[in-house]
PDB file of N, CA and C in Angstrom:
ATOM      1  N   MET A   1       0.820  -1.194   0.000  1.00  0.00           N
ATOM      2  CA  MET A   1       0.000   0.000   0.000  1.00  0.00           C
ATOM      3  C   MET A   1       0.861   1.253   0.000  1.00  0.00           C
ATOM      4  N   ASP A   2       1.947   1.219   0.739  1.00  0.00           N
ATOM      5  CA  ASP A   2       2.820   2.391   0.806  1.00  0.00           C
ATOM      6  C   ASP A   2       3.406   2.748  -0.554  1.00  0.00           C
ATOM      7  N   ARG A   3       3.527   1.776  -1.418  1.00  0.00           N
ATOM      8  CA  ARG A   3       4.096   2.026  -2.752  1.00  0.00           C
ATOM      9  C   ARG A   3       3.134   2.821  -3.633  1.00  0.00           C
ATOM     10  N   TYR A   4       1.853   2.597  -3.480  1.00  0.00           N
ATOM     11  CA  TYR A   4       0.880   3.190  -4.387  1.00  0.00           C
ATOM     12  C   TYR A   4       0.016   4.289  -3.773  1.00  0.00           C
ATOM     13  N   PHE A   5       0.108   4.477  -2.460  1.00  0.00           N
ATOM     14  CA  PHE A   5      -0.630   5.530  -1.763  1.00  0.00           C
ATOM     15  C   PHE A   5       0.334   6.318  -0.885  1.00  0.00           C
ATOM     16  N   SER A   6      -0.038   7.544  -0.598  1.00  0.00           N
ATOM     17  CA  SER A   6       0.702   8.350   0.366  1.00  0.00           C
ATOM     18  C   SER A   6       0.109   8.048   1.744  1.00  0.00           C
ATOM     19  N   VAL A   7       0.729   7.114   2.460  1.00  0.00           N
ATOM     20  CA  VAL A   7       0.193   6.685   3.749  1.00  0.00           C
ATOM     21  C   VAL A   7       0.924   7.414   4.865  1.00  0.00           C
ATOM     22  N   ASP A   8       0.155   8.133   5.676  1.00  0.00           N
ATOM     23  CA  ASP A   8       0.704   8.812   6.843  1.00  0.00           C
ATOM     24  C   ASP A   8      -0.332   8.739   7.960  1.00  0.00           C
ATOM     25  N   ASP A   9      -0.126   9.499   9.027  1.00  0.00           N
ATOM     26  CA  ASP A   9      -1.034   9.441  10.175  1.00  0.00           C
ATOM     27  C   ASP A   9      -2.456   9.893   9.831  1.00  0.00           C
ATOM     28  N   ASP A  10      -2.607  10.705   8.801  1.00  0.00           N
ATOM     29  CA  ASP A  10      -3.928  11.207   8.428  1.00  0.00           C
ATOM     30  C   ASP A  10      -4.621  10.366   7.363  1.00  0.00           C
ATOM     31  N   PHE A  11      -3.994   9.283   6.931  1.00  0.00           N
ATOM     32  CA  PHE A  11      -4.532   8.490   5.830  1.00  0.00           C
ATOM     33  C   PHE A  11      -5.980   8.083   6.061  1.00  0.00           C
ATOM     34  N   TRP A  12      -6.288   7.523   7.210  1.00  0.00           N
ATOM     35  CA  TRP A  12      -7.645   7.009   7.434  1.00  0.00           C
ATOM     36  C   TRP A  12      -8.646   8.130   7.697  1.00  0.00           C
ATOM     37  N   TYR A  13      -8.179   9.260   8.241  1.00  0.00           N
ATOM     38  CA  TYR A  13      -9.074  10.396   8.437  1.00  0.00           C
ATOM     39  C   TYR A  13      -9.497  10.988   7.096  1.00  0.00           C
ATOM     40  N   GLU A  14      -8.632  10.872   6.102  1.00  0.00           N
ATOM     41  CA  GLU A  14      -8.895  11.413   4.771  1.00  0.00           C
ATOM     42  C   GLU A  14      -9.056  10.282   3.758  1.00  0.00           C
ATOM     43  N   PHE A  15      -9.627   9.194   4.183  1.00  0.00           N
ATOM     44  CA  PHE A  15      -9.658   7.952   3.409  1.00  0.00           C
ATOM     45  C   PHE A  15     -10.191   8.122   1.988  1.00  0.00           C
ATOM     46  N   GLU A  16     -11.363   8.723   1.837  1.00  0.00           N
ATOM     47  CA  GLU A  16     -11.953   8.846   0.500  1.00  0.00           C
ATOM     48  C   GLU A  16     -11.087   9.713  -0.412  1.00  0.00           C
ATOM     49  N   ASP A  17     -10.540  10.799   0.119  1.00  0.00           N
ATOM     50  CA  ASP A  17      -9.649  11.633  -0.688  1.00  0.00           C
ATOM     51  C   ASP A  17      -8.383  10.874  -1.052  1.00  0.00           C
ATOM     52  N   ARG A  18      -7.874  10.096  -0.139  1.00  0.00           N
ATOM     53  CA  ARG A  18      -6.631   9.364  -0.391  1.00  0.00           C
ATOM     54  C   ARG A  18      -6.821   8.260  -1.431  1.00  0.00           C
ATOM     55  N   LEU A  19      -8.009   7.700  -1.519  1.00  0.00           N
ATOM     56  CA  LEU A  19      -8.257   6.693  -2.550  1.00  0.00           C
ATOM     57  C   LEU A  19      -8.016   7.271  -3.936  1.00  0.00           C
ATOM     58  N   ALA A  20      -8.280   8.548  -4.081  1.00  0.00           N
ATOM     59  CA  ALA A  20      -8.091   9.207  -5.375  1.00  0.00           C
ATOM     60  C   ALA A  20      -6.618   9.430  -5.696  1.00  0.00           C
ATOM     61  N   THR A  21      -5.736   9.219  -4.714  1.00  0.00           N
ATOM     62  CA  THR A  21      -4.311   9.466  -4.942  1.00  0.00           C
ATOM     63  C   THR A  21      -3.547   8.204  -5.320  1.00  0.00           C
ATOM     64  N   LEU A  22      -4.254   7.136  -5.656  1.00  0.00           N
ATOM     65  CA  LEU A  22      -3.581   5.907  -6.081  1.00  0.00           C
ATOM     66  C   LEU A  22      -2.589   6.236  -7.189  1.00  0.00           C
ATOM     67  N   ASP A  23      -1.340   5.833  -7.002  1.00  0.00           N
ATOM     68  CA  ASP A  23      -0.293   6.070  -8.000  1.00  0.00           C
ATOM     69  C   ASP A  23      -0.404   4.996  -9.078  1.00  0.00           C
ATOM     70  N   SER A  24      -1.366   5.181  -9.951  1.00  0.00           N
ATOM     71  CA  SER A  24      -1.637   4.180 -10.991  1.00  0.00           C
ATOM     72  C   SER A  24      -0.481   4.076 -11.979  1.00  0.00           C
ATOM     73  N   GLU A  25       0.239   5.166 -12.185  1.00  0.00           N
ATOM     74  CA  GLU A  25       1.372   5.115 -13.110  1.00  0.00           C
ATOM     75  C   GLU A  25       2.443   4.148 -12.606  1.00  0.00           C
ATOM     76  N   SER A  26       2.731   4.176 -11.308  1.00  0.00           N
ATOM     77  CA  SER A  26       3.710   3.237 -10.741  1.00  0.00           C
ATOM     78  C   SER A  26       3.199   1.807 -10.810  1.00  0.00           C
ATOM     79  N   LEU A  27       1.916   1.626 -10.571  1.00  0.00           N
ATOM     80  CA  LEU A  27       1.325   0.291 -10.653  1.00  0.00           C
ATOM     81  C   LEU A  27       1.458  -0.260 -12.070  1.00  0.00           C
ATOM     82  N   ILE A  28       1.137   0.552 -13.048  1.00  0.00           N
ATOM     83  CA  ILE A  28       1.241   0.125 -14.446  1.00  0.00           C
ATOM     84  C   ILE A  28       2.699  -0.150 -14.808  1.00  0.00           C
ATOM     85  N   GLU A  29       3.583   0.724 -14.360  1.00  0.00           N
ATOM     86  CA  GLU A  29       5.010   0.525 -14.646  1.00  0.00           C
ATOM     87  C   GLU A  29       5.537  -0.759 -13.999  1.00  0.00           C
ATOM     88  N   ASP A  30       5.161  -0.996 -12.751  1.00  0.00           N
ATOM     89  CA  ASP A  30       5.609  -2.210 -12.058  1.00  0.00           C
ATOM     90  C   ASP A  30       5.115  -3.467 -12.768  1.00  0.00           C
ATOM     91  N   ALA A  31       3.876  -3.429 -13.221  1.00  0.00           N
ATOM     92  CA  ALA A  31       3.304  -4.603 -13.879  1.00  0.00           C
ATOM     93  C   ALA A  31       3.781  -4.751 -15.313  1.00  0.00           C
ATOM     94  N   SER A  32       4.351  -3.693 -15.875  1.00  0.00           N
ATOM     95  CA  SER A  32       4.762  -3.739 -17.283  1.00  0.00           C
ATOM     96  C   SER A  32       5.857  -4.767 -17.542  1.00  0.00           C
ATOM     97  N   VAL A  33       6.569  -5.206 -16.507  1.00  0.00           N
ATOM     98  CA  VAL A  33       7.575  -6.254 -16.714  1.00  0.00           C
ATOM     99  C   VAL A  33       6.910  -7.557 -17.163  1.00  0.00           C
ATOM    100  N   PHE A  34       5.603  -7.648 -16.962  1.00  0.00           N
ATOM    101  CA  PHE A  34       4.870  -8.842 -17.363  1.00  0.00           C
ATOM    102  C   PHE A  34       4.278  -8.720 -18.769  1.00  0.00           C
ATOM    103  N   LEU A  35       4.503  -7.569 -19.410  1.00  0.00           N
ATOM    104  CA  LEU A  35       4.023  -7.386 -20.777  1.00  0.00           C
ATOM    105  C   LEU A  35       5.067  -7.922 -21.745  1.00  0.00           C
ATOM    106  N   THR A  36       4.661  -8.817 -22.582  1.00  0.00           N
ATOM    107  CA  THR A  36       5.540  -9.363 -23.612  1.00  0.00           C
ATOM    108  C   THR A  36       4.872  -9.130 -24.953  1.00  0.00           C
ATOM    109  N   GLY A  37       5.586  -8.462 -25.836  1.00  0.00           N
ATOM    110  CA  GLY A  37       5.029  -8.171 -27.149  1.00  0.00           C
ATOM    111  C   GLY A  37       4.826  -9.447 -27.950  1.00  0.00           C
ATOM    112  N   TYR A  38       3.833  -9.427 -28.828  1.00  0.00           N
ATOM    113  CA  TYR A  38       3.531 -10.617 -29.627  1.00  0.00           C
ATOM    114  C   TYR A  38       4.697 -11.018 -30.531  1.00  0.00           C
ATOM    115  N   GLY A  39       5.516 -10.069 -30.920  1.00  0.00           N
ATOM    116  CA  GLY A  39       6.646 -10.384 -31.786  1.00  0.00           C
ATOM    117  C   GLY A  39       7.906 -10.782 -31.034  1.00  0.00           C
ATOM    118  N   SER A  40       7.856 -10.734 -29.701  1.00  0.00           N
ATOM    119  CA  SER A  40       9.033 -11.038 -28.889  1.00  0.00           C
ATOM    120  C   SER A  40       9.342 -12.530 -28.887  1.00  0.00           C
ATOM    121  N   ASP A  41      10.618 -12.859 -28.791  1.00  0.00           N
ATOM    122  CA  ASP A  41      11.022 -14.266 -28.680  1.00  0.00           C
ATOM    123  C   ASP A  41      10.518 -14.892 -27.385  1.00  0.00           C
ATOM    124  N   ASP A  42      10.254 -14.038 -26.358  1.00  0.00           N
ATOM    125  CA  ASP A  42       9.798 -14.540 -25.054  1.00  0.00           C
ATOM    126  C   ASP A  42       8.284 -14.736 -24.981  1.00  0.00           C
ATOM    127  N   TRP A  43       7.547 -14.309 -26.025  1.00  0.00           N
ATOM    128  CA  TRP A  43       6.095 -14.400 -25.977  1.00  0.00           C
ATOM    129  C   TRP A  43       5.644 -15.853 -26.047  1.00  0.00           C
ATOM    130  N   SER A  44       4.620 -16.166 -25.241  1.00  0.00           N
ATOM    131  CA  SER A  44       4.012 -17.495 -25.297  1.00  0.00           C
ATOM    132  C   SER A  44       2.537 -17.360 -24.937  1.00  0.00           C
ATOM    133  N   ASP A  45       1.769 -18.357 -25.312  1.00  0.00           N
ATOM    134  CA  ASP A  45       0.350 -18.357 -24.943  1.00  0.00           C
ATOM    135  C   ASP A  45       0.185 -18.317 -23.428  1.00  0.00           C
ATOM    136  N   ALA A  46       1.052 -19.016 -22.720  1.00  0.00           N
ATOM    137  CA  ALA A  46       0.947 -19.099 -21.254  1.00  0.00           C
ATOM    138  C   ALA A  46       1.166 -17.738 -20.600  1.00  0.00           C
ATOM    139  N   ALA A  47       2.026 -16.910 -21.194  1.00  0.00           N
ATOM    140  CA  ALA A  47       2.337 -15.607 -20.604  1.00  0.00           C
ATOM    141  C   ALA A  47       1.423 -14.498 -21.130  1.00  0.00           C
ATOM    142  N   ASN A  48       0.504 -14.835 -21.984  1.00  0.00           N
ATOM    143  CA  ASN A  48      -0.332 -13.842 -22.642  1.00  0.00           C
ATOM    144  C   ASN A  48      -1.150 -13.002 -21.655  1.00  0.00           C
ATOM    145  N   HIS A  49      -1.537 -13.550 -20.530  1.00  0.00           N
ATOM    146  CA  HIS A  49      -2.393 -12.836 -19.576  1.00  0.00           C
ATOM    147  C   HIS A  49      -1.676 -12.508 -18.275  1.00  0.00           C
ATOM    148  N   ASP A  50      -0.355 -12.581 -18.257  1.00  0.00           N
ATOM    149  CA  ASP A  50       0.400 -12.298 -17.034  1.00  0.00           C
ATOM    150  C   ASP A  50       0.215 -10.869 -16.545  1.00  0.00           C
ATOM    151  N   TYR A  51       0.158  -9.914 -17.465  1.00  0.00           N
ATOM    152  CA  TYR A  51      -0.003  -8.509 -17.083  1.00  0.00           C
ATOM    153  C   TYR A  51      -1.333  -8.301 -16.363  1.00  0.00           C
ATOM    154  N   GLN A  52      -2.418  -8.782 -16.957  1.00  0.00           N
ATOM    155  CA  GLN A  52      -3.737  -8.647 -16.330  1.00  0.00           C
ATOM    156  C   GLN A  52      -3.774  -9.369 -14.987  1.00  0.00           C
ATOM    157  N   TYR A  53      -3.152 -10.538 -14.934  1.00  0.00           N
ATOM    158  CA  TYR A  53      -3.117 -11.303 -13.693  1.00  0.00           C
ATOM    159  C   TYR A  53      -2.386 -10.508 -12.607  1.00  0.00           C
ATOM    160  N   GLU A  54      -1.252  -9.916 -12.958  1.00  0.00           N
ATOM    161  CA  GLU A  54      -0.469  -9.160 -11.979  1.00  0.00           C
ATOM    162  C   GLU A  54      -1.229  -7.933 -11.482  1.00  0.00           C
ATOM    163  N   ILE A  55      -1.856  -7.202 -12.384  1.00  0.00           N
ATOM    164  CA  ILE A  55      -2.669  -6.041 -11.976  1.00  0.00           C
ATOM    165  C   ILE A  55      -3.774  -6.496 -11.024  1.00  0.00           C
ATOM    166  N   ASN A  56      -4.443  -7.601 -11.343  1.00  0.00           N
ATOM    167  CA  ASN A  56      -5.503  -8.124 -10.491  1.00  0.00           C
ATOM    168  C   ASN A  56      -4.958  -8.521  -9.118  1.00  0.00           C
ATOM    169  N   GLU A  57      -3.810  -9.180  -9.101  1.00  0.00           N
ATOM    170  CA  GLU A  57      -3.213  -9.602  -7.828  1.00  0.00           C
ATOM    171  C   GLU A  57      -2.884  -8.400  -6.947  1.00  0.00           C
ATOM    172  N   VAL A  58      -2.277  -7.372  -7.530  1.00  0.00           N
ATOM    173  CA  VAL A  58      -1.949  -6.167  -6.763  1.00  0.00           C
ATOM    174  C   VAL A  58      -3.236  -5.514  -6.262  1.00  0.00           C
ATOM    175  N   GLY A  59      -4.252  -5.452  -7.110  1.00  0.00           N
ATOM    176  CA  GLY A  59      -5.543  -4.898  -6.690  1.00  0.00           C
ATOM    177  C   GLY A  59      -6.152  -5.652  -5.532  1.00  0.00           C
ATOM    178  N   GLN A  60      -6.053  -6.984  -5.565  1.00  0.00           N
ATOM    179  CA  GLN A  60      -6.583  -7.807  -4.470  1.00  0.00           C
ATOM    180  C   GLN A  60      -5.831  -7.540  -3.170  1.00  0.00           C
ATOM    181  N   VAL A  61      -4.509  -7.443  -3.246  1.00  0.00           N
ATOM    182  CA  VAL A  61      -3.697  -7.188  -2.047  1.00  0.00           C
ATOM    183  C   VAL A  61      -4.010  -5.807  -1.473  1.00  0.00           C
ATOM    184  N   ILE A  62      -4.072  -4.806  -2.355  1.00  0.00           N
ATOM    185  CA  ILE A  62      -4.397  -3.454  -1.886  1.00  0.00           C
ATOM    186  C   ILE A  62      -5.781  -3.434  -1.245  1.00  0.00           C
ATOM    187  N   SER A  63      -6.766  -4.072  -1.868  1.00  0.00           N
ATOM    188  CA  SER A  63      -8.128  -4.110  -1.316  1.00  0.00           C
ATOM    189  C   SER A  63      -8.148  -4.750   0.063  1.00  0.00           C
ATOM    190  N   LYS A  64      -7.452  -5.855   0.221  1.00  0.00           N
ATOM    191  CA  LYS A  64      -7.416  -6.530   1.526  1.00  0.00           C
ATOM    192  C   LYS A  64      -6.743  -5.659   2.575  1.00  0.00           C
ATOM    193  N   ARG A  65      -5.638  -5.039   2.210  1.00  0.00           N
ATOM    194  CA  ARG A  65      -4.937  -4.180   3.173  1.00  0.00           C
ATOM    195  C   ARG A  65      -5.762  -2.948   3.525  1.00  0.00           C
ATOM    196  N   LEU A  66      -6.494  -2.411   2.562  1.00  0.00           N
ATOM    197  CA  LEU A  66      -7.373  -1.283   2.853  1.00  0.00           C
ATOM    198  C   LEU A  66      -8.482  -1.704   3.813  1.00  0.00           C
ATOM    199  N   ARG A  67      -9.109  -2.852   3.543  1.00  0.00           N
ATOM    200  CA  ARG A  67     -10.173  -3.342   4.446  1.00  0.00           C
ATOM    201  C   ARG A  67      -9.633  -3.578   5.844  1.00  0.00           C
ATOM    202  N   ASP A  68      -8.504  -4.267   5.931  1.00  0.00           N
ATOM    203  CA  ASP A  68      -7.923  -4.585   7.239  1.00  0.00           C
ATOM    204  C   ASP A  68      -7.485  -3.322   7.971  1.00  0.00           C
ATOM    205  N   GLY A  69      -6.836  -2.414   7.247  1.00  0.00           N
ATOM    206  CA  GLY A  69      -6.364  -1.176   7.865  1.00  0.00           C
ATOM    207  C   GLY A  69      -7.492  -0.287   8.333  1.00  0.00           C
ATOM    208  N   LEU A  70      -8.546  -0.178   7.524  1.00  0.00           N
ATOM    209  CA  LEU A  70      -9.693   0.634   7.917  1.00  0.00           C
ATOM    210  C   LEU A  70     -10.379   0.035   9.142  1.00  0.00           C
ATOM    211  N   ALA A  71     -10.542  -1.270   9.158  1.00  0.00           N
ATOM    212  CA  ALA A  71     -11.159  -1.930  10.316  1.00  0.00           C
ATOM    213  C   ALA A  71     -10.327  -1.711  11.576  1.00  0.00           C
ATOM    214  N   GLU A  72      -9.017  -1.819  11.446  1.00  0.00           N
ATOM    215  CA  GLU A  72      -8.124  -1.606  12.600  1.00  0.00           C
ATOM    216  C   GLU A  72      -8.236  -0.163  13.095  1.00  0.00           C
ATOM    217  N   TRP A  73      -8.259   0.790  12.161  1.00  0.00           N
ATOM    218  CA  TRP A  73      -8.376   2.195  12.537  1.00  0.00           C
ATOM    219  C   TRP A  73      -9.702   2.464  13.248  1.00  0.00           C
ATOM    220  N   ILE A  74     -10.789   1.913  12.708  1.00  0.00           N
ATOM    221  CA  ILE A  74     -12.101   2.121  13.323  1.00  0.00           C
ATOM    222  C   ILE A  74     -12.135   1.558  14.740  1.00  0.00           C
ATOM    223  N   ARG A  75     -11.551   0.377  14.925  1.00  0.00           N
ATOM    224  CA  ARG A  75     -11.560  -0.242  16.256  1.00  0.00           C
ATOM    225  C   ARG A  75     -10.767   0.547  17.289  1.00  0.00           C
ATOM    226  N   GLN A  76      -9.805   1.352  16.873  1.00  0.00           N
ATOM    227  CA  GLN A  76      -9.009   2.104  17.832  1.00  0.00           C
ATOM    228  C   GLN A  76      -9.603   3.468  18.164  1.00  0.00           C
ATOM    229  N   LEU A  77     -10.659   3.886  17.440  1.00  0.00           N
ATOM    230  CA  LEU A  77     -11.273   5.181  17.724  1.00  0.00           C
ATOM    231  C   LEU A  77     -11.942   5.161  19.092  1.00  0.00           C
ATOM    232  N   PRO A  78     -11.758   6.200  19.872  1.00  0.00           N
ATOM    233  CA  PRO A  78     -12.394   6.233  21.190  1.00  0.00           C
ATOM    234  C   PRO A  78     -13.898   6.462  21.061  1.00  0.00           C
ATOM    235  N   LEU A  79     -14.662   5.717  21.808  1.00  0.00           N
ATOM    236  CA  LEU A  79     -16.112   5.882  21.831  1.00  0.00           C
ATOM    237  C   LEU A  79     -16.491   6.740  23.033  1.00  0.00           C
ATOM    238  N   PRO A  80     -17.336   7.742  22.834  1.00  0.00           N
ATOM    239  CA  PRO A  80     -17.755   8.545  23.980  1.00  0.00           C
ATOM    240  C   PRO A  80     -18.690   7.734  24.874  1.00  0.00           C
ATOM    241  N   SER A  81     -18.663   8.042  26.117  1.00  0.00           N
ATOM    242  CA  SER A  81     -19.559   7.343  27.052  1.00  0.00           C
ATOM    243  C   SER A  81     -20.983   7.857  26.845  1.00  0.00           C
ATOM    244  N   ALA A  82     -21.937   7.072  27.283  1.00  0.00           N
ATOM    245  CA  ALA A  82     -23.342   7.480  27.168  1.00  0.00           C
ATOM    246  C   ALA A  82     -23.577   8.769  27.932  1.00  0.00           C
ATOM    247  N   ALA A  83     -22.908   8.922  29.064  1.00  0.00           N
ATOM    248  CA  ALA A  83     -23.069  10.135  29.872  1.00  0.00           C
ATOM    249  C   ALA A  83     -22.535  11.354  29.126  1.00  0.00           C
ATOM    250  N   ALA A  84     -21.474  11.191  28.361  1.00  0.00           N
ATOM    251  CA  ALA A  84     -20.874  12.312  27.644  1.00  0.00           C
ATOM    252  C   ALA A  84     -21.775  12.832  26.531  1.00  0.00           C
ATOM    253  N   ILE A  85     -22.611  11.976  25.954  1.00  0.00           N
ATOM    254  CA  ILE A  85     -23.468  12.425  24.851  1.00  0.00           C
ATOM    255  C   ILE A  85     -24.929  12.606  25.261  1.00  0.00           C
ATOM    256  N   ALA A  86     -25.253  12.322  26.503  1.00  0.00           N
ATOM    257  CA  ALA A  86     -26.631  12.485  26.974  1.00  0.00           C
ATOM    258  C   ALA A  86     -27.029  13.951  26.874  1.00  0.00           C
ATOM    259  N   GLY A  87     -28.147  14.204  26.242  1.00  0.00           N
ATOM    260  CA  GLY A  87     -28.663  15.558  26.134  1.00  0.00           C
ATOM    261  C   GLY A  87     -28.023  16.389  25.037  1.00  0.00           C
ATOM    262  N   VAL A  88     -27.099  15.822  24.293  1.00  0.00           N
ATOM    263  CA  VAL A  88     -26.452  16.568  23.210  1.00  0.00           C
ATOM    264  C   VAL A  88     -27.442  16.718  22.056  1.00  0.00           C
ATOM    265  N   ARG A  89     -27.574  17.913  21.569  1.00  0.00           N
ATOM    266  CA  ARG A  89     -28.464  18.189  20.446  1.00  0.00           C
ATOM    267  C   ARG A  89     -27.628  18.565  19.231  1.00  0.00           C
ATOM    268  N   LEU A  90     -28.016  18.047  18.079  1.00  0.00           N
ATOM    269  CA  LEU A  90     -27.314  18.345  16.838  1.00  0.00           C
ATOM    270  C   LEU A  90     -27.929  19.584  16.184  1.00  0.00           C
ATOM    271  N   PRO A  91     -27.104  20.458  15.608  1.00  0.00           N
ATOM    272  CA  PRO A  91     -27.647  21.655  14.947  1.00  0.00           C
ATOM    273  C   PRO A  91     -28.193  21.326  13.559  1.00  0.00           C
ATOM    274  N   ILE A  92     -29.347  20.659  13.516  1.00  0.00           N
ATOM    275  CA  ILE A  92     -29.958  20.242  12.256  1.00  0.00           C
ATOM    276  C   ILE A  92     -31.257  21.009  12.068  1.00  0.00           C
ATOM    277  N   ASP A  93     -31.416  21.575  10.897  1.00  0.00           N
ATOM    278  CA  ASP A  93     -32.618  22.333  10.563  1.00  0.00           C
ATOM    279  C   ASP A  93     -33.796  21.364  10.483  1.00  0.00           C
ATOM    280  N   ALA A  94     -34.807  21.591  11.293  1.00  0.00           N
ATOM    281  CA  ALA A  94     -35.966  20.700  11.346  1.00  0.00           C
ATOM    282  C   ALA A  94     -36.753  20.691  10.042  1.00  0.00           C
ATOM    283  N   SER A  95     -36.614  21.733   9.222  1.00  0.00           N
ATOM    284  CA  SER A  95     -37.341  21.769   7.954  1.00  0.00           C
ATOM    285  C   SER A  95     -36.505  21.217   6.799  1.00  0.00           C
ATOM    286  N   ALA A  96     -35.330  20.695   7.088  1.00  0.00           N
ATOM    287  CA  ALA A  96     -34.453  20.158   6.048  1.00  0.00           C
ATOM    288  C   ALA A  96     -35.053  18.904   5.427  1.00  0.00           C
ATOM    289  N   ILE A  97     -34.692  18.645   4.175  1.00  0.00           N
ATOM    290  CA  ILE A  97     -35.121  17.444   3.470  1.00  0.00           C
ATOM    291  C   ILE A  97     -33.889  16.585   3.269  1.00  0.00           C
ATOM    292  N   PHE A  98     -34.014  15.288   3.515  1.00  0.00           N
ATOM    293  CA  PHE A  98     -32.875  14.385   3.455  1.00  0.00           C
ATOM    294  C   PHE A  98     -33.061  13.326   2.377  1.00  0.00           C
ATOM    295  N   LEU A  99     -31.971  13.021   1.697  1.00  0.00           N
ATOM    296  CA  LEU A  99     -31.925  11.882   0.792  1.00  0.00           C
ATOM    297  C   LEU A  99     -31.117  10.829   1.537  1.00  0.00           C
ATOM    298  N   ASN A 100     -31.720   9.685   1.809  1.00  0.00           N
ATOM    299  CA  ASN A 100     -31.098   8.712   2.688  1.00  0.00           C
ATOM    300  C   ASN A 100     -31.002   7.351   2.009  1.00  0.00           C
ATOM    301  N   PHE A 101     -29.793   6.794   2.006  1.00  0.00           N
ATOM    302  CA  PHE A 101     -29.594   5.445   1.494  1.00  0.00           C
ATOM    303  C   PHE A 101     -29.303   4.476   2.634  1.00  0.00           C
ATOM    304  N   ASN A 102     -29.537   4.927   3.839  1.00  0.00           N
ATOM    305  CA  ASN A 102     -29.352   4.119   5.035  1.00  0.00           C
ATOM    306  C   ASN A 102     -30.714   3.496   5.346  1.00  0.00           C
ATOM    307  N   TYR A 103     -30.846   2.212   5.166  1.00  0.00           N
ATOM    308  CA  TYR A 103     -32.146   1.548   5.299  1.00  0.00           C
ATOM    309  C   TYR A 103     -32.472   1.201   6.748  1.00  0.00           C
ATOM    310  N   THR A 104     -32.356   2.208   7.584  1.00  0.00           N
ATOM    311  CA  THR A 104     -32.739   2.073   8.990  1.00  0.00           C
ATOM    312  C   THR A 104     -33.667   3.240   9.308  1.00  0.00           C
ATOM    313  N   PRO A 105     -34.360   3.200  10.406  1.00  0.00           N
ATOM    314  CA  PRO A 105     -35.264   4.303  10.759  1.00  0.00           C
ATOM    315  C   PRO A 105     -34.535   5.481  11.422  1.00  0.00           C
ATOM    316  N   SER A 106     -33.244   5.663  11.153  1.00  0.00           N
ATOM    317  CA  SER A 106     -32.467   6.700  11.837  1.00  0.00           C
ATOM    318  C   SER A 106     -33.040   8.100  11.634  1.00  0.00           C
ATOM    319  N   LEU A 107     -33.446   8.444  10.420  1.00  0.00           N
ATOM    320  CA  LEU A 107     -33.987   9.786  10.205  1.00  0.00           C
ATOM    321  C   LEU A 107     -35.353   9.961  10.849  1.00  0.00           C
ATOM    322  N   GLN A 108     -36.132   8.901  10.895  1.00  0.00           N
ATOM    323  CA  GLN A 108     -37.429   9.002  11.554  1.00  0.00           C
ATOM    324  C   GLN A 108     -37.247   9.259  13.062  1.00  0.00           C
ATOM    325  N   GLN A 109     -36.151   8.775  13.603  1.00  0.00           N
ATOM    326  CA  GLN A 109     -35.881   8.945  15.030  1.00  0.00           C
ATOM    327  C   GLN A 109     -35.017  10.169  15.315  1.00  0.00           C
ATOM    328  N   LEU A 110     -34.645  10.902  14.295  1.00  0.00           N
ATOM    329  CA  LEU A 110     -33.714  12.007  14.414  1.00  0.00           C
ATOM    330  C   LEU A 110     -34.253  13.139  15.281  1.00  0.00           C
ATOM    331  N   ASP A 111     -35.556  13.320  15.336  1.00  0.00           N
ATOM    332  CA  ASP A 111     -36.118  14.447  16.048  1.00  0.00           C
ATOM    333  C   ASP A 111     -35.692  14.502  17.517  1.00  0.00           C
ATOM    334  N   MET A 112     -35.379  13.387  18.102  1.00  0.00           N
ATOM    335  CA  MET A 112     -34.969  13.405  19.508  1.00  0.00           C
ATOM    336  C   MET A 112     -33.542  13.944  19.680  1.00  0.00           C
ATOM    337  N   PHE A 113     -32.806  14.089  18.565  1.00  0.00           N
ATOM    338  CA  PHE A 113     -31.439  14.608  18.628  1.00  0.00           C
ATOM    339  C   PHE A 113     -31.313  16.020  18.057  1.00  0.00           C
ATOM    340  N   MET A 114     -32.383  16.511  17.465  1.00  0.00           N
ATOM    341  CA  MET A 114     -32.294  17.798  16.793  1.00  0.00           C
ATOM    342  C   MET A 114     -32.473  18.955  17.759  1.00  0.00           C
ATOM    343  N   ALA A 115     -31.681  19.976  17.552  1.00  0.00           N
ATOM    344  CA  ALA A 115     -31.743  21.157  18.422  1.00  0.00           C
ATOM    345  C   ALA A 115     -33.052  21.917  18.269  1.00  0.00           C
ATOM    346  N   ASP A 116     -33.626  21.878  17.045  1.00  0.00           N
ATOM    347  CA  ASP A 116     -34.874  22.612  16.781  1.00  0.00           C
ATOM    348  C   ASP A 116     -36.123  21.835  17.184  1.00  0.00           C
ATOM    349  N   ALA A 117     -35.987  20.602  17.603  1.00  0.00           N
ATOM    350  CA  ALA A 117     -37.164  19.755  17.899  1.00  0.00           C
ATOM    351  C   ALA A 117     -37.827  20.164  19.186  1.00  0.00           C
TER     352      ALA A 117
END
């Protein structure tokens, strides 16, 4: 992951932005050693898909490390105690309209957390 992303202490805090910084040029260059031209003496049917295979393998490793790293980061985040958040109201406009892809009743229950409620 360190080869293709700029990984530092803020990586997981800026996760979505950092995904856009994938160094695809280095990935392509690294995998290019597996490209064999059709006219090359080294070309064979068996090696015909080595480049695609290598790109896929690197993608699988990066995906696994991202999943594992994100899970580890989430588990280390401090959770506030119930007492610390009791009575906290969120500054949400009660007349706001929401587009929600979260298939839970969270927005229906939101009024108990809204400052304007």
